[in-house]
Amino acid sequence: MRGAFFPLAVQVDLLDDSAPKEMISSAVQNFGGFDILVNNPGIYPSVHIIGYDHCPWYLDG
């Protein structure tokens, strides 16, 4: 179908150190790559998705 758009939703646990790489691999596998990545974890401040420090996600300690 010409001009069709097929979105991909990927649920990941960002407390898992391998999750960002798995998410990116999923996009590459499904689309051959990507041009734009919106890192939107909700209320968390803007961070680089590659090489982020997972410790701030542990809000209780």
C-alpha atoms as a PDB file:
ATOM      1  CA  MET A   1       0.000   0.000   0.000  1.00  0.00           C
ATOM      2  CA  ARG A   2       1.561   3.253  -1.105  1.00  0.00           C
ATOM      3  CA  GLY A   3       2.055   5.766   1.694  1.00  0.00           C
ATOM      4  CA  ALA A   4       0.998   3.279   4.370  1.00  0.00           C
ATOM      5  CA  PHE A   5       2.233   3.862   7.874  1.00  0.00           C
ATOM      6  CA  PHE A   6       2.883   0.954  10.204  1.00  0.00           C
ATOM      7  CA  PRO A   7       3.745   2.128  13.727  1.00  0.00           C
ATOM      8  CA  LEU A   8       5.790   0.042  16.130  1.00  0.00           C
ATOM      9  CA  ALA A   9       5.336   0.179  19.892  1.00  0.00           C
ATOM     10  CA  VAL A  10       8.070  -1.402  21.978  1.00  0.00           C
ATOM     11  CA  GLN A  11       7.628  -1.888  25.713  1.00  0.00           C
ATOM     12  CA  VAL A  12      10.895  -2.022  27.642  1.00  0.00           C
ATOM     13  CA  ASP A  13      11.981  -2.020  31.258  1.00  0.00           C
ATOM     14  CA  LEU A  14      14.529   0.788  31.520  1.00  0.00           C
ATOM     15  CA  LEU A  15      15.876  -0.735  34.723  1.00  0.00           C
ATOM     16  CA  ASP A  16      17.270  -3.469  32.454  1.00  0.00           C
ATOM     17  CA  ASP A  17      20.615  -2.261  31.088  1.00  0.00           C
ATOM     18  CA  SER A  18      20.080  -4.076  27.773  1.00  0.00           C
ATOM     19  CA  ALA A  19      16.598  -2.597  27.121  1.00  0.00           C
ATOM     20  CA  PRO A  20      17.640   0.493  25.089  1.00  0.00           C
ATOM     21  CA  LYS A  21      19.767  -1.607  22.736  1.00  0.00           C
ATOM     22  CA  GLU A  22      16.924  -4.120  22.328  1.00  0.00           C
ATOM     23  CA  MET A  23      14.500  -1.280  21.549  1.00  0.00           C
ATOM     24  CA  ILE A  24      16.816   0.146  18.884  1.00  0.00           C
ATOM     25  CA  SER A  25      17.429  -3.323  17.431  1.00  0.00           C
ATOM     26  CA  SER A  26      13.665  -3.807  17.152  1.00  0.00           C
ATOM     27  CA  ALA A  27      13.299  -0.566  15.174  1.00  0.00           C
ATOM     28  CA  VAL A  28      16.192  -1.483  12.872  1.00  0.00           C
ATOM     29  CA  GLN A  29      14.797  -4.998  12.336  1.00  0.00           C
ATOM     30  CA  ASN A  30      11.285  -3.724  11.524  1.00  0.00           C
ATOM     31  CA  PHE A  31      12.136  -0.612   9.526  1.00  0.00           C
ATOM     32  CA  GLY A  32      15.752  -1.021   8.449  1.00  0.00           C
ATOM     33  CA  GLY A  33      16.719   1.932  10.661  1.00  0.00           C
ATOM     34  CA  PHE A  34      15.153   5.145  11.863  1.00  0.00           C
ATOM     35  CA  ASP A  35      15.522   8.858  11.252  1.00  0.00           C
ATOM     36  CA  ILE A  36      14.052  10.273  14.457  1.00  0.00           C
ATOM     37  CA  LEU A  37      13.935   8.854  17.976  1.00  0.00           C
ATOM     38  CA  VAL A  38      11.790  10.523  20.622  1.00  0.00           C
ATOM     39  CA  ASN A  39      12.993   9.603  24.080  1.00  0.00           C
ATOM     40  CA  ASN A  40       9.824  10.170  26.124  1.00  0.00           C
ATOM     41  CA  PRO A  41       9.813   8.254  29.408  1.00  0.00           C
ATOM     42  CA  GLY A  42       7.038  10.429  30.827  1.00  0.00           C
ATOM     43  CA  ILE A  43       8.169  12.760  33.601  1.00  0.00           C
ATOM     44  CA  TYR A  44      11.880  11.993  33.451  1.00  0.00           C
ATOM     45  CA  PRO A  45      14.195  14.810  32.245  1.00  0.00           C
ATOM     46  CA  SER A  46      15.712  14.678  28.757  1.00  0.00           C
ATOM     47  CA  VAL A  47      18.692  12.289  28.542  1.00  0.00           C
ATOM     48  CA  HIS A  48      20.694  10.604  25.783  1.00  0.00           C
ATOM     49  CA  ILE A  49      19.275   7.132  25.240  1.00  0.00           C
ATOM     50  CA  ILE A  50      22.676   5.603  24.516  1.00  0.00           C
ATOM     51  CA  GLY A  51      24.934   5.506  27.551  1.00  0.00           C
ATOM     52  CA  TYR A  52      22.363   6.740  30.062  1.00  0.00           C
ATOM     53  CA  ASP A  53      22.897   6.111  33.772  1.00  0.00           C
ATOM     54  CA  HIS A  54      20.118   3.806  34.980  1.00  0.00           C
ATOM     55  CA  CYS A  55      20.577   4.696  38.664  1.00  0.00           C
ATOM     56  CA  PRO A  56      18.214   7.733  38.639  1.00  0.00           C
ATOM     57  CA  TRP A  57      15.366   5.352  37.729  1.00  0.00           C
ATOM     58  CA  TYR A  58      15.603   3.871  41.215  1.00  0.00           C
ATOM     59  CA  LEU A  59      13.563   6.640  42.840  1.00  0.00           C
ATOM     60  CA  ASP A  60      13.293   4.904  46.208  1.00  0.00           C
ATOM     61  CA  GLY A  61      16.939   4.671  46.991  1.00  0.00           C
END
